[in-house]
């Protein structure tokens, strides 16, 4: 059975963690374990937030969850008390990536709230989600009225003005084999480079399928000349021994096929869109 984890970044407001977890439970998400990502408790605000969380998870309804803490640290193991330098930012990225990577290697599903802590933690959470998440996982922000957050209430009550908003993101790959390839990398920067390579390979393959299998041979010949040389219908017709009307009909068919292939139902597909999409394919 797949284990479902709740991850959350923490700043000075511990209720962001508990409220998000409760809202997920209201949506029917069966969380097995909650893990809170935080900086070193050298400031009174962080220390108090950690203590408040520990206390909240000792009593119902939160006591049914196993709570653990993930301290942000440098590659050398030194705790991060803040994120203000490039080195600290990279260490934060590595730490979040490493945690999510370990869980995904175990086959876990992850629901990740990035509403707490420094904004850079949320940005790196998004980057990690794009790299490692699949269709089962979720990324969230918590939205509420300022006065409500100021109450610092840890538990939800009916009618509370707080919502959990899914953060849209595009996973780099939904293919299990490709995701496993990315998971091989311990360094998130290496994973990013590999992810970019995989994206380019997949995009080229998608274009090859369209040109070689979706288009007819006659349509592909017309499209190739249009994209490579930007010829008019008359010039393409002269080159191929066809009438300009035949070329126009074949291009119209290619436009319609591209719209269906890419699900571009809300945008105009014409010669400019075709050239823009296939330029690098025919240039290679």
C-alpha atoms as a PDB file:
ATOM      1  CA  UNK A   1       0.000   0.000   0.000  1.00  0.00           C
ATOM      2  CA  UNK A   2       1.311   3.445  -0.924  1.00  0.00           C
ATOM      3  CA  UNK A   3       2.301   5.546   2.074  1.00  0.00           C
ATOM      4  CA  UNK A   4       1.090   9.143   1.984  1.00  0.00           C
ATOM      5  CA  UNK A   5       3.279  11.858   3.511  1.00  0.00           C
ATOM      6  CA  UNK A   6       2.453  15.428   4.410  1.00  0.00           C
ATOM      7  CA  UNK A   7       5.375  17.850   4.103  1.00  0.00           C
ATOM      8  CA  UNK A   8       5.323  21.466   5.222  1.00  0.00           C
ATOM      9  CA  UNK A   9       7.793  24.309   5.414  1.00  0.00           C
ATOM     10  CA  UNK A  10       7.787  26.119   8.752  1.00  0.00           C
ATOM     11  CA  UNK A  11       8.464  29.697   9.739  1.00  0.00           C
ATOM     12  CA  UNK A  12       7.187  31.433  12.847  1.00  0.00           C
ATOM     13  CA  UNK A  13       3.522  30.451  12.328  1.00  0.00           C
ATOM     14  CA  UNK A  14       2.999  26.800  13.355  1.00  0.00           C
ATOM     15  CA  UNK A  15      -0.739  26.956  12.706  1.00  0.00           C
ATOM     16  CA  UNK A  16       0.028  27.037   8.961  1.00  0.00           C
ATOM     17  CA  UNK A  17       1.186  23.437   9.294  1.00  0.00           C
ATOM     18  CA  UNK A  18      -1.692  22.143  11.395  1.00  0.00           C
ATOM     19  CA  UNK A  19      -4.418  23.920   9.438  1.00  0.00           C
ATOM     20  CA  UNK A  20      -3.127  22.632   6.102  1.00  0.00           C
ATOM     21  CA  UNK A  21      -3.007  19.081   7.451  1.00  0.00           C
ATOM     22  CA  UNK A  22      -6.574  19.300   8.729  1.00  0.00           C
ATOM     23  CA  UNK A  23      -7.835  20.736   5.449  1.00  0.00           C
ATOM     24  CA  UNK A  24      -6.254  17.835   3.573  1.00  0.00           C
ATOM     25  CA  UNK A  25      -7.982  15.429   5.960  1.00  0.00           C
ATOM     26  CA  UNK A  26     -11.295  17.134   5.172  1.00  0.00           C
ATOM     27  CA  UNK A  27     -10.634  16.385   1.515  1.00  0.00           C
ATOM     28  CA  UNK A  28     -10.268  12.685   2.367  1.00  0.00           C
ATOM     29  CA  UNK A  29      -6.483  12.487   2.119  1.00  0.00           C
ATOM     30  CA  UNK A  30      -5.278   9.752   4.498  1.00  0.00           C
ATOM     31  CA  UNK A  31      -1.917  11.034   5.715  1.00  0.00           C
ATOM     32  CA  UNK A  32       0.399   8.514   7.365  1.00  0.00           C
ATOM     33  CA  UNK A  33       3.126  10.862   8.543  1.00  0.00           C
ATOM     34  CA  UNK A  34       3.807  14.599   8.758  1.00  0.00           C
ATOM     35  CA  UNK A  35       7.290  16.019   8.265  1.00  0.00           C
ATOM     36  CA  UNK A  36       8.081  19.660   8.959  1.00  0.00           C
ATOM     37  CA  UNK A  37      11.020  21.376   7.229  1.00  0.00           C
ATOM     38  CA  UNK A  38      12.562  24.184   9.275  1.00  0.00           C
ATOM     39  CA  UNK A  39      15.660  26.255   9.976  1.00  0.00           C
ATOM     40  CA  UNK A  40      17.623  25.938  13.224  1.00  0.00           C
ATOM     41  CA  UNK A  41      15.633  27.186  16.262  1.00  0.00           C
ATOM     42  CA  UNK A  42      18.075  29.941  17.137  1.00  0.00           C
ATOM     43  CA  UNK A  43      15.434  32.635  16.993  1.00  0.00           C
ATOM     44  CA  UNK A  44      12.722  32.692  19.680  1.00  0.00           C
ATOM     45  CA  UNK A  45       9.994  32.666  17.017  1.00  0.00           C
ATOM     46  CA  UNK A  46      11.200  29.440  15.386  1.00  0.00           C
ATOM     47  CA  UNK A  47      11.840  27.787  18.749  1.00  0.00           C
ATOM     48  CA  UNK A  48       8.318  28.670  19.889  1.00  0.00           C
ATOM     49  CA  UNK A  49       6.792  27.414  16.622  1.00  0.00           C
ATOM     50  CA  UNK A  50       8.527  24.057  16.985  1.00  0.00           C
ATOM     51  CA  UNK A  51       7.434  23.723  20.603  1.00  0.00           C
ATOM     52  CA  UNK A  52       3.846  24.646  19.739  1.00  0.00           C
ATOM     53  CA  UNK A  53       3.785  22.009  17.007  1.00  0.00           C
ATOM     54  CA  UNK A  54       5.107  19.321  19.292  1.00  0.00           C
ATOM     55  CA  UNK A  55       2.413  20.155  21.816  1.00  0.00           C
ATOM     56  CA  UNK A  56      -0.377  20.227  19.235  1.00  0.00           C
ATOM     57  CA  UNK A  57       0.506  16.792  17.885  1.00  0.00           C
ATOM     58  CA  UNK A  58       0.260  15.227  21.358  1.00  0.00           C
ATOM     59  CA  UNK A  59      -3.492  15.740  21.595  1.00  0.00           C
ATOM     60  CA  UNK A  60      -6.453  14.849  19.318  1.00  0.00           C
ATOM     61  CA  UNK A  61      -7.165  15.259  16.499  1.00  0.00           C
ATOM     62  CA  UNK A  62      -3.515  15.669  15.487  1.00  0.00           C
ATOM     63  CA  UNK A  63      -2.158  12.950  17.762  1.00  0.00           C
ATOM     64  CA  UNK A  64      -3.155  10.323  15.192  1.00  0.00           C
ATOM     65  CA  UNK A  65      -0.338  11.558  12.943  1.00  0.00           C
ATOM     66  CA  UNK A  66       3.322  10.725  13.393  1.00  0.00           C
ATOM     67  CA  UNK A  67       5.259  14.020  13.417  1.00  0.00           C
ATOM     68  CA  UNK A  68       8.934  14.396  12.584  1.00  0.00           C
ATOM     69  CA  UNK A  69      11.168  17.384  11.892  1.00  0.00           C
ATOM     70  CA  UNK A  70      13.618  17.972   9.037  1.00  0.00           C
ATOM     71  CA  UNK A  71      16.290  20.490  10.014  1.00  0.00           C
ATOM     72  CA  UNK A  72      17.774  22.359   7.077  1.00  0.00           C
ATOM     73  CA  UNK A  73      21.541  21.888   7.051  1.00  0.00           C
ATOM     74  CA  UNK A  74      24.524  22.457   4.798  1.00  0.00           C
ATOM     75  CA  UNK A  75      26.179  19.535   2.946  1.00  0.00           C
ATOM     76  CA  UNK A  76      28.687  19.504   5.815  1.00  0.00           C
ATOM     77  CA  UNK A  77      25.870  18.964   8.295  1.00  0.00           C
ATOM     78  CA  UNK A  78      25.880  22.468   9.759  1.00  0.00           C
ATOM     79  CA  UNK A  79      22.372  23.664  10.723  1.00  0.00           C
ATOM     80  CA  UNK A  80      20.994  26.634   8.793  1.00  0.00           C
ATOM     81  CA  UNK A  81      19.614  29.349  11.041  1.00  0.00           C
ATOM     82  CA  UNK A  82      18.489  31.464   8.064  1.00  0.00           C
ATOM     83  CA  UNK A  83      18.583  31.579   4.260  1.00  0.00           C
ATOM     84  CA  UNK A  84      20.322  34.787   3.229  1.00  0.00           C
ATOM     85  CA  UNK A  85      23.274  33.719   1.069  1.00  0.00           C
ATOM     86  CA  UNK A  86      23.678  31.793  -2.180  1.00  0.00           C
ATOM     87  CA  UNK A  87      25.320  28.955  -0.263  1.00  0.00           C
ATOM     88  CA  UNK A  88      22.442  28.756   2.214  1.00  0.00           C
ATOM     89  CA  UNK A  89      19.929  28.850  -0.634  1.00  0.00           C
ATOM     90  CA  UNK A  90      21.664  25.993  -2.441  1.00  0.00           C
ATOM     91  CA  UNK A  91      21.816  23.987   0.788  1.00  0.00           C
ATOM     92  CA  UNK A  92      18.063  24.522   1.219  1.00  0.00           C
ATOM     93  CA  UNK A  93      17.425  23.305  -2.314  1.00  0.00           C
ATOM     94  CA  UNK A  94      19.578  20.237  -1.728  1.00  0.00           C
ATOM     95  CA  UNK A  95      17.857  19.452   1.561  1.00  0.00           C
ATOM     96  CA  UNK A  96      14.309  19.681   0.190  1.00  0.00           C
ATOM     97  CA  UNK A  97      15.293  17.758  -2.918  1.00  0.00           C
ATOM     98  CA  UNK A  98      16.993  15.079  -0.821  1.00  0.00           C
ATOM     99  CA  UNK A  99      13.968  14.577   1.422  1.00  0.00           C
ATOM    100  CA  UNK A 100      11.490  14.331  -1.454  1.00  0.00           C
ATOM    101  CA  UNK A 101      13.868  12.109  -3.407  1.00  0.00           C
ATOM    102  CA  UNK A 102      14.132   9.617  -0.531  1.00  0.00           C
ATOM    103  CA  UNK A 103      10.367   9.450  -0.142  1.00  0.00           C
ATOM    104  CA  UNK A 104       9.717   9.051  -3.878  1.00  0.00           C
ATOM    105  CA  UNK A 105      12.318   6.271  -4.057  1.00  0.00           C
ATOM    106  CA  UNK A 106      10.152   4.481  -1.484  1.00  0.00           C
ATOM    107  CA  UNK A 107       7.121   4.885  -3.730  1.00  0.00           C
ATOM    108  CA  UNK A 108       5.442   7.441  -1.452  1.00  0.00           C
ATOM    109  CA  UNK A 109       2.738   9.936  -2.351  1.00  0.00           C
ATOM    110  CA  UNK A 110       3.481  13.458  -1.120  1.00  0.00           C
ATOM    111  CA  UNK A 111       1.243  16.412  -0.266  1.00  0.00           C
ATOM    112  CA  UNK A 112       3.479  19.428   0.262  1.00  0.00           C
ATOM    113  CA  UNK A 113       2.366  22.731   1.802  1.00  0.00           C
ATOM    114  CA  UNK A 114       4.865  25.528   1.109  1.00  0.00           C
ATOM    115  CA  UNK A 115       2.995  28.323   2.875  1.00  0.00           C
ATOM    116  CA  UNK A 116       5.360  28.592   5.859  1.00  0.00           C
ATOM    117  CA  UNK A 117       8.901  29.888   6.213  1.00  0.00           C
ATOM    118  CA  UNK A 118      10.965  31.910   3.801  1.00  0.00           C
ATOM    119  CA  UNK A 119       9.614  32.487   0.295  1.00  0.00           C
ATOM    120  CA  UNK A 120      12.699  30.836  -1.148  1.00  0.00           C
ATOM    121  CA  UNK A 121      11.635  27.600   0.546  1.00  0.00           C
ATOM    122  CA  UNK A 122       8.384  27.741  -1.400  1.00  0.00           C
ATOM    123  CA  UNK A 123      10.222  28.402  -4.667  1.00  0.00           C
ATOM    124  CA  UNK A 124      12.518  25.445  -4.141  1.00  0.00           C
ATOM    125  CA  UNK A 125       9.532  23.337  -3.125  1.00  0.00           C
ATOM    126  CA  UNK A 126       7.957  24.155  -6.485  1.00  0.00           C
ATOM    127  CA  UNK A 127      11.177  23.303  -8.346  1.00  0.00           C
ATOM    128  CA  UNK A 128      11.441  19.966  -6.550  1.00  0.00           C
ATOM    129  CA  UNK A 129       7.782  19.201  -7.274  1.00  0.00           C
ATOM    130  CA  UNK A 130       8.330  19.814 -10.976  1.00  0.00           C
ATOM    131  CA  UNK A 131      11.331  17.502 -10.922  1.00  0.00           C
ATOM    132  CA  UNK A 132      10.106  14.622  -8.788  1.00  0.00           C
ATOM    133  CA  UNK A 133       6.324  14.714  -8.338  1.00  0.00           C
ATOM    134  CA  UNK A 134       3.910  12.607 -10.350  1.00  0.00           C
ATOM    135  CA  UNK A 135       0.145  12.748 -10.810  1.00  0.00           C
ATOM    136  CA  UNK A 136      -0.566  11.448  -7.303  1.00  0.00           C
ATOM    137  CA  UNK A 137       1.269  14.250  -5.499  1.00  0.00           C
ATOM    138  CA  UNK A 138       0.109  17.743  -4.586  1.00  0.00           C
ATOM    139  CA  UNK A 139       1.608  21.159  -3.823  1.00  0.00           C
ATOM    140  CA  UNK A 140      -0.350  23.732  -1.794  1.00  0.00           C
ATOM    141  CA  UNK A 141      -0.544  27.229  -0.354  1.00  0.00           C
ATOM    142  CA  UNK A 142      -2.693  28.254   2.606  1.00  0.00           C
ATOM    143  CA  UNK A 143      -4.847  31.363   2.213  1.00  0.00           C
ATOM    144  CA  UNK A 144      -6.684  33.055   5.086  1.00  0.00           C
ATOM    145  CA  UNK A 145      -7.700  36.394   6.519  1.00  0.00           C
ATOM    146  CA  UNK A 146      -4.855  38.219   8.357  1.00  0.00           C
ATOM    147  CA  UNK A 147      -6.942  38.503  11.509  1.00  0.00           C
ATOM    148  CA  UNK A 148      -7.536  34.769  11.514  1.00  0.00           C
ATOM    149  CA  UNK A 149      -3.844  33.938  11.264  1.00  0.00           C
ATOM    150  CA  UNK A 150      -3.104  36.419  14.048  1.00  0.00           C
ATOM    151  CA  UNK A 151      -5.234  34.296  16.390  1.00  0.00           C
ATOM    152  CA  UNK A 152      -2.630  31.524  16.019  1.00  0.00           C
ATOM    153  CA  UNK A 153      -5.285  28.856  16.518  1.00  0.00           C
ATOM    154  CA  UNK A 154      -3.901  25.409  15.775  1.00  0.00           C
ATOM    155  CA  UNK A 155      -7.221  23.646  15.191  1.00  0.00           C
ATOM    156  CA  UNK A 156      -9.941  24.302  12.658  1.00  0.00           C
ATOM    157  CA  UNK A 157     -13.457  25.281  13.561  1.00  0.00           C
ATOM    158  CA  UNK A 158     -16.502  25.283  11.234  1.00  0.00           C
ATOM    159  CA  UNK A 159     -16.620  28.398   9.102  1.00  0.00           C
ATOM    160  CA  UNK A 160     -13.003  29.413   9.592  1.00  0.00           C
ATOM    161  CA  UNK A 161     -11.858  31.721   6.741  1.00  0.00           C
ATOM    162  CA  UNK A 162      -8.972  29.566   5.566  1.00  0.00           C
ATOM    163  CA  UNK A 163      -8.463  27.618   2.333  1.00  0.00           C
ATOM    164  CA  UNK A 164      -5.900  25.239   0.947  1.00  0.00           C
ATOM    165  CA  UNK A 165      -5.084  26.193  -2.640  1.00  0.00           C
ATOM    166  CA  UNK A 166      -3.440  23.714  -5.009  1.00  0.00           C
ATOM    167  CA  UNK A 167      -0.388  25.203  -6.725  1.00  0.00           C
ATOM    168  CA  UNK A 168      -0.378  24.348 -10.449  1.00  0.00           C
ATOM    169  CA  UNK A 169       2.864  22.867 -11.704  1.00  0.00           C
ATOM    170  CA  UNK A 170       3.949  20.840 -14.711  1.00  0.00           C
ATOM    171  CA  UNK A 171       5.796  17.634 -13.780  1.00  0.00           C
ATOM    172  CA  UNK A 172       8.870  17.183 -15.921  1.00  0.00           C
ATOM    173  CA  UNK A 173       7.873  13.604 -16.647  1.00  0.00           C
ATOM    174  CA  UNK A 174       4.950  11.297 -15.966  1.00  0.00           C
ATOM    175  CA  UNK A 175       6.861   8.284 -17.273  1.00  0.00           C
ATOM    176  CA  UNK A 176       7.992   5.975 -14.460  1.00  0.00           C
ATOM    177  CA  UNK A 177      11.226   4.987 -16.212  1.00  0.00           C
ATOM    178  CA  UNK A 178      12.195   8.615 -16.861  1.00  0.00           C
ATOM    179  CA  UNK A 179      11.341   9.608 -13.297  1.00  0.00           C
ATOM    180  CA  UNK A 180      13.541   6.775 -12.045  1.00  0.00           C
ATOM    181  CA  UNK A 181      16.339   8.194 -14.201  1.00  0.00           C
ATOM    182  CA  UNK A 182      16.033  11.600 -12.516  1.00  0.00           C
ATOM    183  CA  UNK A 183      15.855  10.004  -9.059  1.00  0.00           C
ATOM    184  CA  UNK A 184      19.350   8.567  -9.582  1.00  0.00           C
ATOM    185  CA  UNK A 185      20.868  12.008  -9.013  1.00  0.00           C
ATOM    186  CA  UNK A 186      21.647  13.122  -5.475  1.00  0.00           C
ATOM    187  CA  UNK A 187      22.492  16.676  -6.552  1.00  0.00           C
ATOM    188  CA  UNK A 188      19.363  18.635  -7.583  1.00  0.00           C
ATOM    189  CA  UNK A 189      21.372  20.685 -10.077  1.00  0.00           C
ATOM    190  CA  UNK A 190      22.432  17.470 -11.838  1.00  0.00           C
ATOM    191  CA  UNK A 191      18.816  16.334 -11.750  1.00  0.00           C
ATOM    192  CA  UNK A 192      17.734  19.637 -13.316  1.00  0.00           C
ATOM    193  CA  UNK A 193      20.244  19.222 -16.144  1.00  0.00           C
ATOM    194  CA  UNK A 194      19.133  15.647 -16.736  1.00  0.00           C
ATOM    195  CA  UNK A 195      15.502  16.691 -16.585  1.00  0.00           C
ATOM    196  CA  UNK A 196      16.151  19.319 -19.243  1.00  0.00           C
ATOM    197  CA  UNK A 197      17.799  16.719 -21.472  1.00  0.00           C
ATOM    198  CA  UNK A 198      14.850  14.366 -21.040  1.00  0.00           C
ATOM    199  CA  UNK A 199      12.382  17.140 -21.813  1.00  0.00           C
ATOM    200  CA  UNK A 200      14.212  18.008 -25.030  1.00  0.00           C
ATOM    201  CA  UNK A 201      14.349  14.340 -26.039  1.00  0.00           C
ATOM    202  CA  UNK A 202      10.643  13.867 -25.348  1.00  0.00           C
ATOM    203  CA  UNK A 203       9.723  17.037 -27.240  1.00  0.00           C
ATOM    204  CA  UNK A 204      11.751  15.977 -30.264  1.00  0.00           C
ATOM    205  CA  UNK A 205      10.158  12.531 -30.163  1.00  0.00           C
ATOM    206  CA  UNK A 206       6.711  14.116 -30.015  1.00  0.00           C
ATOM    207  CA  UNK A 207       7.500  16.220 -33.080  1.00  0.00           C
ATOM    208  CA  UNK A 208       8.920  13.210 -34.920  1.00  0.00           C
ATOM    209  CA  UNK A 209       5.735  11.229 -34.306  1.00  0.00           C
ATOM    210  CA  UNK A 210       3.644  14.110 -35.633  1.00  0.00           C
ATOM    211  CA  UNK A 211       5.704  14.573 -38.801  1.00  0.00           C
ATOM    212  CA  UNK A 212       6.293  10.900 -39.564  1.00  0.00           C
ATOM    213  CA  UNK A 213       3.036   9.299 -38.478  1.00  0.00           C
ATOM    214  CA  UNK A 214       0.270  11.879 -38.030  1.00  0.00           C
ATOM    215  CA  UNK A 215       0.884  13.745 -41.292  1.00  0.00           C
ATOM    216  CA  UNK A 216       0.581  11.978 -44.616  1.00  0.00           C
ATOM    217  CA  UNK A 217       3.690  11.769 -46.745  1.00  0.00           C
ATOM    218  CA  UNK A 218       2.364  14.513 -49.021  1.00  0.00           C
ATOM    219  CA  UNK A 219       1.517  16.775 -46.085  1.00  0.00           C
ATOM    220  CA  UNK A 220       4.921  16.242 -44.525  1.00  0.00           C
ATOM    221  CA  UNK A 221       6.662  17.247 -47.756  1.00  0.00           C
ATOM    222  CA  UNK A 222       4.675  20.481 -47.850  1.00  0.00           C
ATOM    223  CA  UNK A 223       5.246  21.204 -44.153  1.00  0.00           C
ATOM    224  CA  UNK A 224       8.985  20.568 -44.452  1.00  0.00           C
ATOM    225  CA  UNK A 225       9.382  23.129 -47.216  1.00  0.00           C
ATOM    226  CA  UNK A 226       7.247  25.658 -45.385  1.00  0.00           C
ATOM    227  CA  UNK A 227       9.193  25.324 -42.129  1.00  0.00           C
ATOM    228  CA  UNK A 228      12.682  25.046 -43.626  1.00  0.00           C
ATOM    229  CA  UNK A 229      12.423  27.771 -46.245  1.00  0.00           C
ATOM    230  CA  UNK A 230       9.291  29.787 -45.494  1.00  0.00           C
ATOM    231  CA  UNK A 231       8.016  29.395 -49.059  1.00  0.00           C
ATOM    232  CA  UNK A 232       4.629  30.585 -50.258  1.00  0.00           C
ATOM    233  CA  UNK A 233       1.981  28.098 -51.380  1.00  0.00           C
ATOM    234  CA  UNK A 234       2.803  28.890 -54.992  1.00  0.00           C
ATOM    235  CA  UNK A 235       6.543  28.337 -54.447  1.00  0.00           C
ATOM    236  CA  UNK A 236       5.926  25.055 -52.617  1.00  0.00           C
ATOM    237  CA  UNK A 237       3.612  23.942 -55.415  1.00  0.00           C
ATOM    238  CA  UNK A 238       6.236  24.708 -58.067  1.00  0.00           C
ATOM    239  CA  UNK A 239       8.875  22.795 -56.098  1.00  0.00           C
ATOM    240  CA  UNK A 240       6.671  19.717 -55.687  1.00  0.00           C
ATOM    241  CA  UNK A 241       4.737  19.836 -58.944  1.00  0.00           C
ATOM    242  CA  UNK A 242       1.418  20.573 -57.285  1.00  0.00           C
ATOM    243  CA  UNK A 243      -1.122  23.351 -57.590  1.00  0.00           C
ATOM    244  CA  UNK A 244      -1.187  26.145 -55.031  1.00  0.00           C
ATOM    245  CA  UNK A 245      -4.723  25.047 -54.119  1.00  0.00           C
ATOM    246  CA  UNK A 246      -3.537  21.508 -53.346  1.00  0.00           C
ATOM    247  CA  UNK A 247      -0.746  22.885 -51.180  1.00  0.00           C
ATOM    248  CA  UNK A 248      -3.214  25.118 -49.339  1.00  0.00           C
ATOM    249  CA  UNK A 249      -5.515  22.151 -48.674  1.00  0.00           C
ATOM    250  CA  UNK A 250      -2.628  20.027 -47.419  1.00  0.00           C
ATOM    251  CA  UNK A 251      -1.446  22.797 -45.114  1.00  0.00           C
ATOM    252  CA  UNK A 252      -4.990  23.304 -43.783  1.00  0.00           C
ATOM    253  CA  UNK A 253      -5.101  19.606 -42.990  1.00  0.00           C
ATOM    254  CA  UNK A 254      -1.724  19.862 -41.208  1.00  0.00           C
ATOM    255  CA  UNK A 255      -2.970  22.810 -39.131  1.00  0.00           C
ATOM    256  CA  UNK A 256      -6.060  20.880 -38.038  1.00  0.00           C
ATOM    257  CA  UNK A 257      -3.994  17.802 -37.184  1.00  0.00           C
ATOM    258  CA  UNK A 258      -1.560  19.884 -35.135  1.00  0.00           C
ATOM    259  CA  UNK A 259      -4.426  21.470 -33.188  1.00  0.00           C
ATOM    260  CA  UNK A 260      -5.786  18.012 -32.338  1.00  0.00           C
ATOM    261  CA  UNK A 261      -2.347  16.533 -31.614  1.00  0.00           C
ATOM    262  CA  UNK A 262      -1.402  19.299 -29.174  1.00  0.00           C
ATOM    263  CA  UNK A 263      -4.966  19.924 -27.927  1.00  0.00           C
ATOM    264  CA  UNK A 264      -4.638  23.553 -28.991  1.00  0.00           C
ATOM    265  CA  UNK A 265      -8.377  24.090 -29.127  1.00  0.00           C
ATOM    266  CA  UNK A 266      -8.286  27.635 -27.775  1.00  0.00           C
ATOM    267  CA  UNK A 267      -5.595  29.042 -30.039  1.00  0.00           C
ATOM    268  CA  UNK A 268      -5.232  29.764 -33.724  1.00  0.00           C
ATOM    269  CA  UNK A 269      -3.077  27.260 -35.588  1.00  0.00           C
ATOM    270  CA  UNK A 270      -1.731  28.639 -38.872  1.00  0.00           C
ATOM    271  CA  UNK A 271       1.521  28.664 -40.820  1.00  0.00           C
ATOM    272  CA  UNK A 272       3.206  30.834 -38.167  1.00  0.00           C
ATOM    273  CA  UNK A 273       2.280  28.415 -35.358  1.00  0.00           C
ATOM    274  CA  UNK A 274       3.434  25.451 -37.439  1.00  0.00           C
ATOM    275  CA  UNK A 275       6.792  27.073 -38.222  1.00  0.00           C
ATOM    276  CA  UNK A 276       7.342  28.099 -34.600  1.00  0.00           C
ATOM    277  CA  UNK A 277       6.620  24.596 -33.286  1.00  0.00           C
ATOM    278  CA  UNK A 278       8.646  22.645 -35.861  1.00  0.00           C
ATOM    279  CA  UNK A 279      11.513  25.061 -36.552  1.00  0.00           C
ATOM    280  CA  UNK A 280      14.040  23.301 -34.334  1.00  0.00           C
ATOM    281  CA  UNK A 281      12.933  19.858 -35.535  1.00  0.00           C
ATOM    282  CA  UNK A 282      13.693  20.618 -39.177  1.00  0.00           C
ATOM    283  CA  UNK A 283      16.759  22.679 -38.310  1.00  0.00           C
ATOM    284  CA  UNK A 284      18.475  19.711 -36.629  1.00  0.00           C
END
